[in-house]
Full PDB file with SEQRES, HELIX, SHEET, SSBOND, CRYST1, ORIGX, SCALE, CONECT and MASTER records, all heavy atoms in Angstrom:
SEQRES   1 A   32  MET THR PRO ARG TYR ALA TRP GLU LEU ALA THR ALA GLY          
SEQRES   2 A   32  THR LEU VAL ALA ASN GLN SER PHE PRO HIS TRP ALA ARG          
SEQRES   3 A   32  THR ARG ARG SER GLN VAL                                      
HELIX    1 AA1 PRO A    3  THR A   11  1                                   9    
CRYST1    1.000    1.000    1.000  90.00  90.00  90.00 P 1           1          
ORIGX1      1.000000  0.000000  0.000000        0.00000                         
ORIGX2      0.000000  1.000000  0.000000        0.00000                         
ORIGX3      0.000000  0.000000  1.000000        0.00000                         
SCALE1      1.000000  0.000000  0.000000        0.00000                         
SCALE2      0.000000  1.000000  0.000000        0.00000                         
SCALE3      0.000000  0.000000  1.000000        0.00000                         
ATOM      1  N   MET A   1      91.767  98.787 101.378  1.00  0.00           N  
ATOM      2  CA  MET A   1      91.692  97.706 100.110  1.00  0.00           C  
ATOM      3  C   MET A   1      92.490  98.268  98.917  1.00  0.00           C  
ATOM      4  O   MET A   1      92.297  97.943  97.924  1.00  0.00           O  
ATOM      5  CB  MET A   1      90.279  97.600  99.739  1.00  0.00           C  
ATOM      6  CG  MET A   1      89.349  96.960 100.719  1.00  0.00           C  
ATOM      7  SD  MET A   1      89.971  95.214 101.175  1.00  0.00           S  
ATOM      8  CE  MET A   1      88.700  94.762 102.326  1.00  0.00           C  
ATOM      9  N   THR A   2      93.382  99.327  99.269  1.00  0.00           N  
ATOM     10  CA  THR A   2      94.353  99.712  98.251  1.00  0.00           C  
ATOM     11  C   THR A   2      95.612  98.851  98.320  1.00  0.00           C  
ATOM     12  O   THR A   2      95.853  98.113  99.243  1.00  0.00           O  
ATOM     13  CB  THR A   2      94.752 101.141  98.434  1.00  0.00           C  
ATOM     14  OG1 THR A   2      95.420 101.217  99.750  1.00  0.00           O  
ATOM     15  CG2 THR A   2      93.534 101.985  98.495  1.00  0.00           C  
ATOM     16  N   PRO A   3      96.483  98.873  97.184  1.00  0.00           N  
ATOM     17  CA  PRO A   3      97.700  98.070  97.240  1.00  0.00           C  
ATOM     18  C   PRO A   3      98.544  98.546  98.416  1.00  0.00           C  
ATOM     19  O   PRO A   3      99.172  97.596  99.086  1.00  0.00           O  
ATOM     20  CB  PRO A   3      98.334  98.440  95.921  1.00  0.00           C  
ATOM     21  CG  PRO A   3      97.303  98.790  95.041  1.00  0.00           C  
ATOM     22  CD  PRO A   3      96.228  99.457  95.818  1.00  0.00           C  
ATOM     23  N   ARG A   4      98.593  99.737  98.721  1.00  0.00           N  
ATOM     24  CA  ARG A   4      99.346 100.226  99.956  1.00  0.00           C  
ATOM     25  C   ARG A   4      98.846  99.572 101.195  1.00  0.00           C  
ATOM     26  O   ARG A   4      99.480  99.179 102.223  1.00  0.00           O  
ATOM     27  CB  ARG A   4      99.322 101.765 100.138  1.00  0.00           C  
ATOM     28  CG  ARG A   4     100.142 102.282 101.385  1.00  0.00           C  
ATOM     29  CD  ARG A   4     101.523 102.061 101.427  1.00  0.00           C  
ATOM     30  NE  ARG A   4     102.052 102.556 102.616  1.00  0.00           N  
ATOM     31  CZ  ARG A   4     102.309 103.959 102.905  1.00  0.00           C  
ATOM     32  NH1 ARG A   4     102.037 104.868 101.946  1.00  0.00           N  
ATOM     33  NH2 ARG A   4     102.770 104.286 103.985  1.00  0.00           N  
ATOM     34  N   TYR A   5      97.480  99.441 101.349  1.00  0.00           N  
ATOM     35  CA  TYR A   5      96.818  98.794 102.583  1.00  0.00           C  
ATOM     36  C   TYR A   5      97.283  97.311 102.733  1.00  0.00           C  
ATOM     37  O   TYR A   5      97.538  96.864 103.665  1.00  0.00           O  
ATOM     38  CB  TYR A   5      95.303  98.805 102.288  1.00  0.00           C  
ATOM     39  CG  TYR A   5      94.418  98.274 103.398  1.00  0.00           C  
ATOM     40  CD1 TYR A   5      94.074  98.955 104.459  1.00  0.00           C  
ATOM     41  CD2 TYR A   5      93.881  96.986 103.117  1.00  0.00           C  
ATOM     42  CE1 TYR A   5      93.284  98.230 105.430  1.00  0.00           C  
ATOM     43  CE2 TYR A   5      93.007  96.389 104.088  1.00  0.00           C  
ATOM     44  CZ  TYR A   5      92.843  97.092 105.215  1.00  0.00           C  
ATOM     45  OH  TYR A   5      92.032  96.462 106.252  1.00  0.00           O  
ATOM     46  N   ALA A   6      97.304  96.601 101.515  1.00  0.00           N  
ATOM     47  CA  ALA A   6      97.650  95.208 101.531  1.00  0.00           C  
ATOM     48  C   ALA A   6      99.059  95.123 102.004  1.00  0.00           C  
ATOM     49  O   ALA A   6      99.568  94.218 102.730  1.00  0.00           O  
ATOM     50  CB  ALA A   6      97.505  94.595 100.247  1.00  0.00           C  
ATOM     51  N   TRP A   7     100.048  96.085 101.444  1.00  0.00           N  
ATOM     52  CA  TRP A   7     101.429  96.131 101.758  1.00  0.00           C  
ATOM     53  C   TRP A   7     101.724  96.357 103.272  1.00  0.00           C  
ATOM     54  O   TRP A   7     102.429  95.599 103.978  1.00  0.00           O  
ATOM     55  CB  TRP A   7     102.147  97.105 100.965  1.00  0.00           C  
ATOM     56  CG  TRP A   7     103.451  97.250 101.416  1.00  0.00           C  
ATOM     57  CD1 TRP A   7     104.110  98.329 102.227  1.00  0.00           C  
ATOM     58  CD2 TRP A   7     104.705  96.528 101.040  1.00  0.00           C  
ATOM     59  NE1 TRP A   7     105.481  98.195 102.412  1.00  0.00           N  
ATOM     60  CE2 TRP A   7     105.834  97.015 101.661  1.00  0.00           C  
ATOM     61  CE3 TRP A   7     104.873  95.310 100.336  1.00  0.00           C  
ATOM     62  CZ2 TRP A   7     107.095  96.548 101.633  1.00  0.00           C  
ATOM     63  CZ3 TRP A   7     106.160  94.821 100.220  1.00  0.00           C  
ATOM     64  CH2 TRP A   7     107.241  95.376 100.872  1.00  0.00           C  
ATOM     65  N   GLU A   8     100.945  97.159 103.853  1.00  0.00           N  
ATOM     66  CA  GLU A   8     101.067  97.548 105.244  1.00  0.00           C  
ATOM     67  C   GLU A   8     100.632  96.288 106.157  1.00  0.00           C  
ATOM     68  O   GLU A   8     101.267  96.082 107.098  1.00  0.00           O  
ATOM     69  CB  GLU A   8     100.273  98.819 105.728  1.00  0.00           C  
ATOM     70  CG  GLU A   8     100.840 100.006 104.977  1.00  0.00           C  
ATOM     71  CD  GLU A   8     102.189 100.533 105.418  1.00  0.00           C  
ATOM     72  OE1 GLU A   8     102.688  99.909 106.345  1.00  0.00           O  
ATOM     73  OE2 GLU A   8     102.754 101.473 104.821  1.00  0.00           O  
ATOM     74  N   LEU A   9      99.537  95.722 105.710  1.00  0.00           N  
ATOM     75  CA  LEU A   9      99.010  94.552 106.506  1.00  0.00           C  
ATOM     76  C   LEU A   9     100.106  93.398 106.496  1.00  0.00           C  
ATOM     77  O   LEU A   9     100.318  92.743 107.473  1.00  0.00           O  
ATOM     78  CB  LEU A   9      97.747  94.045 105.853  1.00  0.00           C  
ATOM     79  CG  LEU A   9      96.402  94.705 106.172  1.00  0.00           C  
ATOM     80  CD1 LEU A   9      95.370  93.996 105.438  1.00  0.00           C  
ATOM     81  CD2 LEU A   9      96.167  94.560 107.715  1.00  0.00           C  
ATOM     82  N   ALA A  10     100.830  93.248 105.403  1.00  0.00           N  
ATOM     83  CA  ALA A  10     101.756  92.255 105.258  1.00  0.00           C  
ATOM     84  C   ALA A  10     103.066  92.513 105.908  1.00  0.00           C  
ATOM     85  O   ALA A  10     103.763  91.579 106.344  1.00  0.00           O  
ATOM     86  CB  ALA A  10     102.062  91.908 103.816  1.00  0.00           C  
ATOM     87  N   THR A  11     103.382  93.810 106.048  1.00  0.00           N  
ATOM     88  CA  THR A  11     104.812  94.133 106.486  1.00  0.00           C  
ATOM     89  C   THR A  11     104.876  94.743 107.956  1.00  0.00           C  
ATOM     90  O   THR A  11     106.064  94.944 108.468  1.00  0.00           O  
ATOM     91  CB  THR A  11     105.481  95.006 105.541  1.00  0.00           C  
ATOM     92  OG1 THR A  11     104.726  96.233 105.301  1.00  0.00           O  
ATOM     93  CG2 THR A  11     105.620  94.416 104.218  1.00  0.00           C  
ATOM     94  N   ALA A  12     103.763  95.249 108.392  1.00  0.00           N  
ATOM     95  CA  ALA A  12     103.703  95.988 109.748  1.00  0.00           C  
ATOM     96  C   ALA A  12     104.168  94.966 110.867  1.00  0.00           C  
ATOM     97  O   ALA A  12     103.815  93.794 110.809  1.00  0.00           O  
ATOM     98  CB  ALA A  12     102.327  96.518 110.026  1.00  0.00           C  
ATOM     99  N   GLY A  13     104.819  95.580 111.786  1.00  0.00           N  
ATOM    100  CA  GLY A  13     105.222  94.739 112.970  1.00  0.00           C  
ATOM    101  C   GLY A  13     104.101  94.387 113.945  1.00  0.00           C  
ATOM    102  O   GLY A  13     103.885  93.403 114.449  1.00  0.00           O  
ATOM    103  N   THR A  14     103.113  95.419 114.059  1.00  0.00           N  
ATOM    104  CA  THR A  14     101.934  95.236 114.896  1.00  0.00           C  
ATOM    105  C   THR A  14     100.687  95.635 114.167  1.00  0.00           C  
ATOM    106  O   THR A  14     100.686  96.776 113.440  1.00  0.00           O  
ATOM    107  CB  THR A  14     102.047  96.123 116.136  1.00  0.00           C  
ATOM    108  OG1 THR A  14     103.279  95.740 116.914  1.00  0.00           O  
ATOM    109  CG2 THR A  14     100.946  95.916 117.026  1.00  0.00           C  
ATOM    110  N   LEU A  15      99.714  94.869 114.212  1.00  0.00           N  
ATOM    111  CA  LEU A  15      98.396  95.129 113.622  1.00  0.00           C  
ATOM    112  C   LEU A  15      97.423  95.447 114.723  1.00  0.00           C  
ATOM    113  O   LEU A  15      97.353  94.602 115.695  1.00  0.00           O  
ATOM    114  CB  LEU A  15      97.934  94.063 112.678  1.00  0.00           C  
ATOM    115  CG  LEU A  15      98.758  93.672 111.621  1.00  0.00           C  
ATOM    116  CD1 LEU A  15      98.255  92.367 110.884  1.00  0.00           C  
ATOM    117  CD2 LEU A  15      99.176  94.711 110.533  1.00  0.00           C  
ATOM    118  N   VAL A  16      96.681  96.542 114.693  1.00  0.00           N  
ATOM    119  CA  VAL A  16      95.693  96.875 115.685  1.00  0.00           C  
ATOM    120  C   VAL A  16      94.194  96.963 115.111  1.00  0.00           C  
ATOM    121  O   VAL A  16      94.158  97.616 113.921  1.00  0.00           O  
ATOM    122  CB  VAL A  16      96.015  98.163 116.343  1.00  0.00           C  
ATOM    123  CG1 VAL A  16      94.994  98.483 117.434  1.00  0.00           C  
ATOM    124  CG2 VAL A  16      97.365  98.134 116.856  1.00  0.00           C  
ATOM    125  N   ALA A  17      93.312  96.135 115.604  1.00  0.00           N  
ATOM    126  CA  ALA A  17      92.033  96.235 114.954  1.00  0.00           C  
ATOM    127  C   ALA A  17      90.932  96.322 116.094  1.00  0.00           C  
ATOM    128  O   ALA A  17      91.303  95.772 117.284  1.00  0.00           O  
ATOM    129  CB  ALA A  17      91.802  94.940 114.266  1.00  0.00           C  
ATOM    130  N   ASN A  18      89.785  96.859 115.896  1.00  0.00           N  
ATOM    131  CA  ASN A  18      88.749  96.728 116.845  1.00  0.00           C  
ATOM    132  C   ASN A  18      87.653  95.805 116.298  1.00  0.00           C  
ATOM    133  O   ASN A  18      86.527  95.740 117.079  1.00  0.00           O  
ATOM    134  CB  ASN A  18      88.172  98.137 117.259  1.00  0.00           C  
ATOM    135  CG  ASN A  18      87.418  98.766 116.135  1.00  0.00           C  
ATOM    136  OD1 ASN A  18      87.250  98.189 115.041  1.00  0.00           O  
ATOM    137  ND2 ASN A  18      86.917  99.870 116.404  1.00  0.00           N  
ATOM    138  N   GLN A  19      87.850  95.112 115.411  1.00  0.00           N  
ATOM    139  CA  GLN A  19      86.905  94.050 114.946  1.00  0.00           C  
ATOM    140  C   GLN A  19      87.635  92.984 114.212  1.00  0.00           C  
ATOM    141  O   GLN A  19      88.126  91.962 114.501  1.00  0.00           O  
ATOM    142  CB  GLN A  19      85.645  94.645 114.137  1.00  0.00           C  
ATOM    143  CG  GLN A  19      84.724  93.481 113.780  1.00  0.00           C  
ATOM    144  CD  GLN A  19      83.323  93.942 113.361  1.00  0.00           C  
ATOM    145  OE1 GLN A  19      83.127  95.101 113.369  1.00  0.00           O  
ATOM    146  NE2 GLN A  19      82.377  93.099 113.142  1.00  0.00           N  
ATOM    147  N   SER A  20      87.837  93.315 112.811  1.00  0.00           N  
ATOM    148  CA  SER A  20      88.424  92.263 111.991  1.00  0.00           C  
ATOM    149  C   SER A  20      89.221  92.939 110.808  1.00  0.00           C  
ATOM    150  O   SER A  20      88.860  94.004 110.404  1.00  0.00           O  
ATOM    151  CB  SER A  20      87.501  91.104 111.469  1.00  0.00           C  
ATOM    152  OG  SER A  20      86.510  91.821 110.688  1.00  0.00           O  
ATOM    153  N   PHE A  21      90.123  92.253 110.179  1.00  0.00           N  
ATOM    154  CA  PHE A  21      90.779  92.556 108.995  1.00  0.00           C  
ATOM    155  C   PHE A  21      90.084  91.885 107.866  1.00  0.00           C  
ATOM    156  O   PHE A  21      89.380  90.917 108.081  1.00  0.00           O  
ATOM    157  CB  PHE A  21      92.208  92.319 108.973  1.00  0.00           C  
ATOM    158  CG  PHE A  21      93.026  93.208 109.967  1.00  0.00           C  
ATOM    159  CD1 PHE A  21      93.564  92.671 111.124  1.00  0.00           C  
ATOM    160  CD2 PHE A  21      93.203  94.517 109.657  1.00  0.00           C  
ATOM    161  CE1 PHE A  21      94.274  93.489 111.927  1.00  0.00           C  
ATOM    162  CE2 PHE A  21      93.912  95.312 110.417  1.00  0.00           C  
ATOM    163  CZ  PHE A  21      94.356  94.917 111.640  1.00  0.00           C  
ATOM    164  N   PRO A  22      90.405  92.058 106.636  1.00  0.00           N  
ATOM    165  CA  PRO A  22      89.726  91.317 105.533  1.00  0.00           C  
ATOM    166  C   PRO A  22      90.027  89.865 105.679  1.00  0.00           C  
ATOM    167  O   PRO A  22      91.075  89.474 106.183  1.00  0.00           O  
ATOM    168  CB  PRO A  22      90.437  91.964 104.126  1.00  0.00           C  
ATOM    169  CG  PRO A  22      90.773  93.442 104.712  1.00  0.00           C  
ATOM    170  CD  PRO A  22      91.199  93.279 106.160  1.00  0.00           C  
ATOM    171  N   HIS A  23      89.122  89.085 105.204  1.00  0.00           N  
ATOM    172  CA  HIS A  23      89.208  87.589 105.394  1.00  0.00           C  
ATOM    173  C   HIS A  23      90.506  87.085 104.682  1.00  0.00           C  
ATOM    174  O   HIS A  23      90.948  85.960 105.130  1.00  0.00           O  
ATOM    175  CB  HIS A  23      87.999  86.957 104.904  1.00  0.00           C  
ATOM    176  CG  HIS A  23      87.808  87.078 103.387  1.00  0.00           C  
ATOM    177  ND1 HIS A  23      88.349  86.054 102.487  1.00  0.00           N  
ATOM    178  CD2 HIS A  23      87.242  87.848 102.567  1.00  0.00           C  
ATOM    179  CE1 HIS A  23      88.072  86.440 101.325  1.00  0.00           C  
ATOM    180  NE2 HIS A  23      87.335  87.414 101.294  1.00  0.00           N  
ATOM    181  N   TRP A  24      91.044  87.806 103.757  1.00  0.00           N  
ATOM    182  CA  TRP A  24      92.159  87.198 103.071  1.00  0.00           C  
ATOM    183  C   TRP A  24      93.472  87.532 103.721  1.00  0.00           C  
ATOM    184  O   TRP A  24      94.542  87.088 103.244  1.00  0.00           O  
ATOM    185  CB  TRP A  24      92.256  87.745 101.624  1.00  0.00           C  
ATOM    186  CG  TRP A  24      91.909  89.204 101.429  1.00  0.00           C  
ATOM    187  CD1 TRP A  24      90.808  89.744 100.969  1.00  0.00           C  
ATOM    188  CD2 TRP A  24      92.784  90.367 101.657  1.00  0.00           C  
ATOM    189  NE1 TRP A  24      90.816  91.151 100.987  1.00  0.00           N  
ATOM    190  CE2 TRP A  24      92.162  91.469 101.344  1.00  0.00           C  
ATOM    191  CE3 TRP A  24      94.191  90.352 102.044  1.00  0.00           C  
ATOM    192  CZ2 TRP A  24      92.700  92.805 101.546  1.00  0.00           C  
ATOM    193  CZ3 TRP A  24      94.755  91.687 102.133  1.00  0.00           C  
ATOM    194  CH2 TRP A  24      94.083  92.715 101.845  1.00  0.00           C  
ATOM    195  N   ALA A  25      93.476  88.417 104.728  1.00  0.00           N  
ATOM    196  CA  ALA A  25      94.688  88.757 105.375  1.00  0.00           C  
ATOM    197  C   ALA A  25      95.174  87.651 106.334  1.00  0.00           C  
ATOM    198  O   ALA A  25      94.297  87.108 107.080  1.00  0.00           O  
ATOM    199  CB  ALA A  25      94.470  90.053 106.180  1.00  0.00           C  
ATOM    200  N   ARG A  26      96.412  87.361 106.324  1.00  0.00           N  
ATOM    201  CA  ARG A  26      96.999  86.407 107.303  1.00  0.00           C  
ATOM    202  C   ARG A  26      98.213  86.971 107.947  1.00  0.00           C  
ATOM    203  O   ARG A  26      99.143  87.379 107.159  1.00  0.00           O  
ATOM    204  CB  ARG A  26      97.409  85.173 106.395  1.00  0.00           C  
ATOM    205  CG  ARG A  26      96.256  84.366 105.874  1.00  0.00           C  
ATOM    206  CD  ARG A  26      95.449  83.686 106.960  1.00  0.00           C  
ATOM    207  NE  ARG A  26      94.201  82.977 106.338  1.00  0.00           N  
ATOM    208  CZ  ARG A  26      93.056  83.497 106.150  1.00  0.00           C  
ATOM    209  NH1 ARG A  26      92.837  84.721 106.513  1.00  0.00           N  
ATOM    210  NH2 ARG A  26      92.048  82.685 105.650  1.00  0.00           N  
ATOM    211  N   THR A  27      98.239  86.896 109.156  1.00  0.00           N  
ATOM    212  CA  THR A  27      99.374  87.490 109.870  1.00  0.00           C  
ATOM    213  C   THR A  27     100.641  86.545 109.875  1.00  0.00           C  
ATOM    214  O   THR A  27     100.379  85.207 109.720  1.00  0.00           O  
ATOM    215  CB  THR A  27      99.012  87.821 111.418  1.00  0.00           C  
ATOM    216  OG1 THR A  27      98.498  86.564 111.926  1.00  0.00           O  
ATOM    217  CG2 THR A  27      97.965  88.868 111.505  1.00  0.00           C  
ATOM    218  N   ARG A  28     101.846  87.013 109.854  1.00  0.00           N  
ATOM    219  CA  ARG A  28     102.997  86.322 109.847  1.00  0.00           C  
ATOM    220  C   ARG A  28     103.365  86.078 111.298  1.00  0.00           C  
ATOM    221  O   ARG A  28     102.870  86.627 112.256  1.00  0.00           O  
ATOM    222  CB  ARG A  28     104.106  87.124 109.224  1.00  0.00           C  
ATOM    223  CG  ARG A  28     103.958  87.245 107.640  1.00  0.00           C  
ATOM    224  CD  ARG A  28     105.082  88.061 107.125  1.00  0.00           C  
ATOM    225  NE  ARG A  28     104.939  89.529 107.502  1.00  0.00           N  
ATOM    226  CZ  ARG A  28     105.712  90.036 108.368  1.00  0.00           C  
ATOM    227  NH1 ARG A  28     106.717  89.452 108.921  1.00  0.00           N  
ATOM    228  NH2 ARG A  28     105.625  91.407 108.726  1.00  0.00           N  
ATOM    229  N   ARG A  29     104.192  85.053 111.574  1.00  0.00           N  
ATOM    230  CA  ARG A  29     104.563  84.539 112.999  1.00  0.00           C  
ATOM    231  C   ARG A  29     105.227  85.726 113.735  1.00  0.00           C  
ATOM    232  O   ARG A  29     105.148  85.854 114.937  1.00  0.00           O  
ATOM    233  CB  ARG A  29     105.465  83.381 112.974  1.00  0.00           C  
ATOM    234  CG  ARG A  29     104.705  82.220 112.594  1.00  0.00           C  
ATOM    235  CD  ARG A  29     105.624  80.984 112.688  1.00  0.00           C  
ATOM    236  NE  ARG A  29     104.982  79.714 112.224  1.00  0.00           N  
ATOM    237  CZ  ARG A  29     104.379  78.893 113.049  1.00  0.00           C  
ATOM    238  NH1 ARG A  29     104.181  79.298 114.491  1.00  0.00           N  
ATOM    239  NH2 ARG A  29     103.843  77.863 112.761  1.00  0.00           N  
ATOM    240  N   SER A  30     105.967  86.648 112.887  1.00  0.00           N  
ATOM    241  CA  SER A  30     106.704  87.668 113.567  1.00  0.00           C  
ATOM    242  C   SER A  30     105.783  88.871 113.953  1.00  0.00           C  
ATOM    243  O   SER A  30     106.089  89.832 114.636  1.00  0.00           O  
ATOM    244  CB  SER A  30     107.774  88.200 112.597  1.00  0.00           C  
ATOM    245  OG  SER A  30     107.293  88.622 111.449  1.00  0.00           O  
ATOM    246  N   GLN A  31     104.519  88.922 113.416  1.00  0.00           N  
ATOM    247  CA  GLN A  31     103.642  90.076 113.634  1.00  0.00           C  
ATOM    248  C   GLN A  31     102.852  89.855 114.949  1.00  0.00           C  
ATOM    249  O   GLN A  31     102.514  88.748 115.370  1.00  0.00           O  
ATOM    250  CB  GLN A  31     102.629  90.288 112.513  1.00  0.00           C  
ATOM    251  CG  GLN A  31     103.344  90.698 111.209  1.00  0.00           C  
ATOM    252  CD  GLN A  31     102.233  90.881 110.113  1.00  0.00           C  
ATOM    253  OE1 GLN A  31     101.554  89.843 109.757  1.00  0.00           O  
ATOM    254  NE2 GLN A  31     102.200  92.031 109.565  1.00  0.00           N  
ATOM    255  N   VAL A  32     102.459  90.979 115.536  1.00  0.00           N  
ATOM    256  CA  VAL A  32     101.668  90.985 116.681  1.00  0.00           C  
ATOM    257  C   VAL A  32     100.277  91.475 116.260  1.00  0.00           C  
ATOM    258  O   VAL A  32     100.262  92.695 115.557  1.00  0.00           O  
ATOM    259  CB  VAL A  32     102.236  91.957 117.810  1.00  0.00           C  
ATOM    260  CG1 VAL A  32     101.140  92.168 118.947  1.00  0.00           C  
ATOM    261  CG2 VAL A  32     103.476  91.380 118.295  1.00  0.00           C  
TER     262      VAL A  32                                                      
MASTER        0    0    0    1    0    0    0    6  261    1    0    3          
END                                                                             
């Protein structure tokens, strides 16, 4: 929940979770 956390969520090529990300996070079409 830091600014860097939000930045990484928005720009990473691949996101890995074992449950869920914050409800406000939205993946881009280019992200896995």
